Amino acid sequence: MLNVQRRLRALERLPQYQPPPSRLHEIEDLALRQVSDEDLAVMVIMATHREAGKDRPITERESEVLAAHDAVREKVAQRMGFASFAEAERIGGR
């Protein structure tokens, strides 16, 4: 019986058994693919600090990175047929 359960868990992890990504996840994925490596590194550092609970002001560079990322998300959302990323969030129910 343990062997069957283990095999079922392994099957459930396969990509073909995962639900398809939502349109919102597709937008975010496509936008992140367009972010430069340097900007992505800044975003990772910001996320790490946030997860660690470090409350600090956002630097000018971080603000620029977030603004650039928001602009890319807007463009991707519009290419996918939404009026804006905000509309995609509202419809996608983030």
N, C-alpha and C. Protein backbone atom coordinates (compact mmCIF):
# COMPACT_ATOMS: atom_id res chain seq x y z
N MET A 1 0.82 -1.20 0.00
CA MET A 1 0.00 0.00 0.00
C MET A 1 0.87 1.26 0.00
N LEU A 2 1.96 1.26 0.75
CA LEU A 2 2.85 2.42 0.76
C LEU A 2 3.44 2.67 -0.61
N ASN A 3 3.73 1.58 -1.33
CA ASN A 3 4.28 1.72 -2.67
C ASN A 3 3.29 2.43 -3.59
N VAL A 4 2.02 2.11 -3.48
CA VAL A 4 1.00 2.73 -4.31
C VAL A 4 0.88 4.21 -3.97
N GLN A 5 0.87 4.55 -2.68
CA GLN A 5 0.77 5.95 -2.27
C GLN A 5 1.97 6.75 -2.76
N ARG A 6 3.13 6.17 -2.66
CA ARG A 6 4.34 6.85 -3.10
C ARG A 6 4.28 7.09 -4.62
N ARG A 7 3.81 6.10 -5.35
CA ARG A 7 3.70 6.25 -6.80
C ARG A 7 2.65 7.30 -7.18
N LEU A 8 1.54 7.35 -6.44
CA LEU A 8 0.51 8.36 -6.69
C LEU A 8 1.05 9.77 -6.44
N ARG A 9 1.79 9.95 -5.35
CA ARG A 9 2.38 11.27 -5.06
C ARG A 9 3.35 11.67 -6.16
N ALA A 10 4.12 10.72 -6.67
CA ALA A 10 5.06 11.02 -7.75
C ALA A 10 4.31 11.42 -9.02
N LEU A 11 3.21 10.73 -9.31
CA LEU A 11 2.41 11.07 -10.49
C LEU A 11 1.77 12.45 -10.35
N GLU A 12 1.31 12.79 -9.15
CA GLU A 12 0.66 14.08 -8.93
C GLU A 12 1.62 15.25 -9.14
N ARG A 13 2.91 15.03 -9.00
CA ARG A 13 3.89 16.10 -9.18
C ARG A 13 4.26 16.32 -10.65
N LEU A 14 3.88 15.42 -11.53
CA LEU A 14 4.20 15.56 -12.94
C LEU A 14 3.49 16.79 -13.52
N PRO A 15 4.15 17.50 -14.43
CA PRO A 15 3.56 18.72 -14.99
C PRO A 15 2.21 18.50 -15.66
N GLN A 16 2.01 17.38 -16.33
CA GLN A 16 0.75 17.17 -17.03
C GLN A 16 -0.43 17.00 -16.08
N TYR A 17 -0.18 16.77 -14.80
CA TYR A 17 -1.25 16.64 -13.82
C TYR A 17 -1.45 17.91 -13.01
N GLN A 18 -0.75 18.98 -13.35
CA GLN A 18 -0.89 20.26 -12.67
C GLN A 18 -1.93 21.10 -13.41
N PRO A 19 -2.67 21.92 -12.67
CA PRO A 19 -3.64 22.77 -13.36
C PRO A 19 -2.90 23.78 -14.25
N PRO A 20 -3.50 24.17 -15.35
CA PRO A 20 -2.84 25.13 -16.23
C PRO A 20 -2.70 26.47 -15.51
N PRO A 21 -1.68 27.23 -15.86
CA PRO A 21 -1.49 28.53 -15.20
C PRO A 21 -2.61 29.49 -15.59
N SER A 22 -2.95 30.37 -14.67
CA SER A 22 -3.98 31.36 -14.96
C SER A 22 -3.40 32.41 -15.90
N ARG A 23 -4.26 33.23 -16.49
CA ARG A 23 -3.80 34.29 -17.38
C ARG A 23 -2.90 35.25 -16.61
N LEU A 24 -3.21 35.47 -15.34
CA LEU A 24 -2.40 36.37 -14.52
C LEU A 24 -0.99 35.81 -14.31
N HIS A 25 -0.90 34.51 -14.08
CA HIS A 25 0.41 33.88 -13.94
C HIS A 25 1.18 33.92 -15.26
N GLU A 26 0.47 33.78 -16.36
CA GLU A 26 1.13 33.87 -17.67
C GLU A 26 1.70 35.26 -17.89
N ILE A 27 0.94 36.28 -17.52
CA ILE A 27 1.42 37.66 -17.66
C ILE A 27 2.68 37.86 -16.83
N GLU A 28 2.62 37.44 -15.58
CA GLU A 28 3.77 37.62 -14.69
C GLU A 28 4.99 36.85 -15.20
N ASP A 29 4.78 35.64 -15.68
CA ASP A 29 5.88 34.83 -16.19
C ASP A 29 6.53 35.48 -17.41
N LEU A 30 5.70 35.93 -18.34
CA LEU A 30 6.23 36.59 -19.54
C LEU A 30 6.95 37.89 -19.18
N ALA A 31 6.42 38.63 -18.21
CA ALA A 31 7.06 39.88 -17.80
C ALA A 31 8.41 39.61 -17.14
N LEU A 32 8.47 38.61 -16.29
CA LEU A 32 9.74 38.30 -15.61
C LEU A 32 10.80 37.83 -16.60
N ARG A 33 10.38 37.19 -17.68
CA ARG A 33 11.34 36.74 -18.69
C ARG A 33 11.98 37.91 -19.42
N GLN A 34 11.32 39.08 -19.38
CA GLN A 34 11.84 40.26 -20.06
C GLN A 34 12.68 41.15 -19.14
N VAL A 35 12.77 40.81 -17.88
CA VAL A 35 13.56 41.59 -16.91
C VAL A 35 15.03 41.21 -17.08
N SER A 36 15.89 42.21 -17.03
CA SER A 36 17.33 41.94 -17.15
C SER A 36 17.83 41.17 -15.93
N ASP A 37 18.97 40.52 -16.07
CA ASP A 37 19.55 39.76 -14.96
C ASP A 37 19.85 40.66 -13.77
N GLU A 38 20.33 41.87 -14.05
CA GLU A 38 20.66 42.81 -12.97
C GLU A 38 19.40 43.22 -12.21
N ASP A 39 18.33 43.53 -12.96
CA ASP A 39 17.07 43.92 -12.32
C ASP A 39 16.47 42.75 -11.56
N LEU A 40 16.58 41.56 -12.11
CA LEU A 40 16.07 40.38 -11.44
C LEU A 40 16.81 40.14 -10.12
N ALA A 41 18.12 40.38 -10.12
CA ALA A 41 18.90 40.22 -8.89
C ALA A 41 18.43 41.21 -7.83
N VAL A 42 18.12 42.44 -8.25
CA VAL A 42 17.61 43.44 -7.30
C VAL A 42 16.27 42.99 -6.74
N MET A 43 15.41 42.44 -7.61
CA MET A 43 14.10 41.97 -7.15
C MET A 43 14.23 40.80 -6.17
N VAL A 44 15.18 39.93 -6.42
CA VAL A 44 15.40 38.79 -5.51
C VAL A 44 15.86 39.29 -4.15
N ILE A 45 16.76 40.26 -4.14
CA ILE A 45 17.24 40.82 -2.87
C ILE A 45 16.08 41.46 -2.12
N MET A 46 15.25 42.20 -2.83
CA MET A 46 14.09 42.83 -2.19
C MET A 46 13.15 41.79 -1.59
N ALA A 47 12.88 40.73 -2.34
CA ALA A 47 12.00 39.67 -1.85
C ALA A 47 12.59 38.96 -0.64
N THR A 48 13.89 38.74 -0.67
CA THR A 48 14.57 38.09 0.46
C THR A 48 14.46 38.94 1.72
N HIS A 49 14.68 40.24 1.57
CA HIS A 49 14.57 41.14 2.72
C HIS A 49 13.14 41.16 3.25
N ARG A 50 12.18 41.17 2.35
CA ARG A 50 10.77 41.21 2.77
C ARG A 50 10.39 39.94 3.51
N GLU A 51 10.83 38.79 2.99
CA GLU A 51 10.53 37.52 3.65
C GLU A 51 11.18 37.42 5.02
N ALA A 52 12.36 38.05 5.16
CA ALA A 52 13.07 38.03 6.44
C ALA A 52 12.49 39.04 7.41
N GLY A 53 11.52 39.84 6.96
CA GLY A 53 10.88 40.81 7.84
C GLY A 53 11.68 42.09 8.02
N LYS A 54 12.64 42.33 7.15
CA LYS A 54 13.44 43.55 7.24
C LYS A 54 12.64 44.70 6.65
N ASP A 55 12.26 45.63 7.51
CA ASP A 55 11.49 46.79 7.07
C ASP A 55 12.46 47.94 6.84
N ARG A 56 12.65 48.28 5.56
CA ARG A 56 13.57 49.35 5.21
C ARG A 56 13.00 50.12 4.05
N PRO A 57 13.43 51.36 3.89
CA PRO A 57 12.94 52.14 2.74
C PRO A 57 13.48 51.58 1.43
N ILE A 58 12.72 51.78 0.38
CA ILE A 58 13.12 51.32 -0.95
C ILE A 58 14.10 52.34 -1.54
N THR A 59 15.18 51.83 -2.08
CA THR A 59 16.18 52.71 -2.68
C THR A 59 15.69 53.21 -4.04
N GLU A 60 16.39 54.19 -4.57
CA GLU A 60 16.03 54.74 -5.87
C GLU A 60 16.16 53.66 -6.96
N ARG A 61 17.21 52.87 -6.89
CA ARG A 61 17.43 51.79 -7.87
C ARG A 61 16.29 50.77 -7.81
N GLU A 62 15.89 50.40 -6.60
CA GLU A 62 14.80 49.44 -6.44
C GLU A 62 13.49 50.01 -6.98
N SER A 63 13.28 51.28 -6.76
CA SER A 63 12.08 51.94 -7.27
C SER A 63 12.07 51.93 -8.80
N GLU A 64 13.22 52.16 -9.41
CA GLU A 64 13.33 52.12 -10.87
C GLU A 64 13.05 50.72 -11.40
N VAL A 65 13.58 49.71 -10.71
CA VAL A 65 13.37 48.32 -11.13
C VAL A 65 11.89 47.97 -11.06
N LEU A 66 11.22 48.36 -9.97
CA LEU A 66 9.79 48.06 -9.83
C LEU A 66 8.97 48.79 -10.88
N ALA A 67 9.32 50.03 -11.17
CA ALA A 67 8.60 50.79 -12.20
C ALA A 67 8.78 50.14 -13.58
N ALA A 68 9.99 49.70 -13.88
CA ALA A 68 10.24 49.04 -15.16
C ALA A 68 9.46 47.73 -15.26
N HIS A 69 9.43 46.98 -14.17
CA HIS A 69 8.69 45.71 -14.15
C HIS A 69 7.20 45.96 -14.33
N ASP A 70 6.68 46.98 -13.67
CA ASP A 70 5.26 47.32 -13.83
C ASP A 70 4.94 47.69 -15.27
N ALA A 71 5.84 48.43 -15.91
CA ALA A 71 5.63 48.83 -17.30
C ALA A 71 5.60 47.60 -18.22
N VAL A 72 6.48 46.65 -17.97
CA VAL A 72 6.51 45.44 -18.78
C VAL A 72 5.23 44.63 -18.57
N ARG A 73 4.77 44.53 -17.32
CA ARG A 73 3.52 43.81 -17.05
C ARG A 73 2.34 44.46 -17.78
N GLU A 74 2.31 45.78 -17.81
CA GLU A 74 1.25 46.49 -18.53
C GLU A 74 1.26 46.11 -20.00
N LYS A 75 2.44 46.14 -20.62
CA LYS A 75 2.55 45.82 -22.04
C LYS A 75 2.13 44.38 -22.32
N VAL A 76 2.56 43.46 -21.48
CA VAL A 76 2.21 42.05 -21.68
C VAL A 76 0.71 41.85 -21.52
N ALA A 77 0.11 42.49 -20.51
CA ALA A 77 -1.33 42.36 -20.30
C ALA A 77 -2.10 42.90 -21.50
N GLN A 78 -1.64 44.02 -22.04
CA GLN A 78 -2.31 44.59 -23.20
C GLN A 78 -2.16 43.70 -24.42
N ARG A 79 -0.99 43.08 -24.59
CA ARG A 79 -0.80 42.15 -25.71
C ARG A 79 -1.71 40.94 -25.59
N MET A 80 -2.06 40.59 -24.35
CA MET A 80 -2.93 39.43 -24.14
C MET A 80 -4.41 39.79 -24.21
N GLY A 81 -4.71 41.06 -24.51
CA GLY A 81 -6.10 41.46 -24.72
C GLY A 81 -6.75 42.19 -23.58
N PHE A 82 -6.03 42.45 -22.50
CA PHE A 82 -6.59 43.20 -21.39
C PHE A 82 -6.35 44.69 -21.62
N ALA A 83 -7.18 45.52 -21.02
CA ALA A 83 -6.98 46.96 -21.12
C ALA A 83 -5.75 47.38 -20.32
N SER A 84 -5.51 46.68 -19.21
CA SER A 84 -4.36 47.00 -18.35
C SER A 84 -4.08 45.79 -17.45
N PHE A 85 -2.97 45.86 -16.72
CA PHE A 85 -2.65 44.79 -15.78
C PHE A 85 -3.67 44.80 -14.64
N ALA A 86 -4.14 46.00 -14.27
CA ALA A 86 -5.14 46.09 -13.20
C ALA A 86 -6.42 45.33 -13.59
N GLU A 87 -6.80 45.44 -14.84
CA GLU A 87 -7.99 44.70 -15.31
C GLU A 87 -7.72 43.19 -15.24
N ALA A 88 -6.53 42.77 -15.62
CA ALA A 88 -6.19 41.36 -15.56
C ALA A 88 -6.23 40.86 -14.12
N GLU A 89 -5.75 41.68 -13.18
CA GLU A 89 -5.81 41.31 -11.76
C GLU A 89 -7.26 41.19 -11.29
N ARG A 90 -8.07 42.15 -11.68
CA ARG A 90 -9.45 42.15 -11.25
C ARG A 90 -10.19 40.92 -11.80
N ILE A 91 -9.97 40.64 -13.07
CA ILE A 91 -10.64 39.49 -13.70
C ILE A 91 -10.02 38.18 -13.21
N GLY A 92 -8.69 38.18 -13.09
CA GLY A 92 -7.99 36.97 -12.68
C GLY A 92 -8.15 36.64 -11.21
N GLY A 93 -8.59 37.61 -10.42
CA GLY A 93 -8.84 37.36 -9.01
C GLY A 93 -7.62 37.06 -8.20
N ARG A 94 -6.58 37.81 -8.42
CA ARG A 94 -5.32 37.58 -7.71
C ARG A 94 -5.48 37.58 -6.24
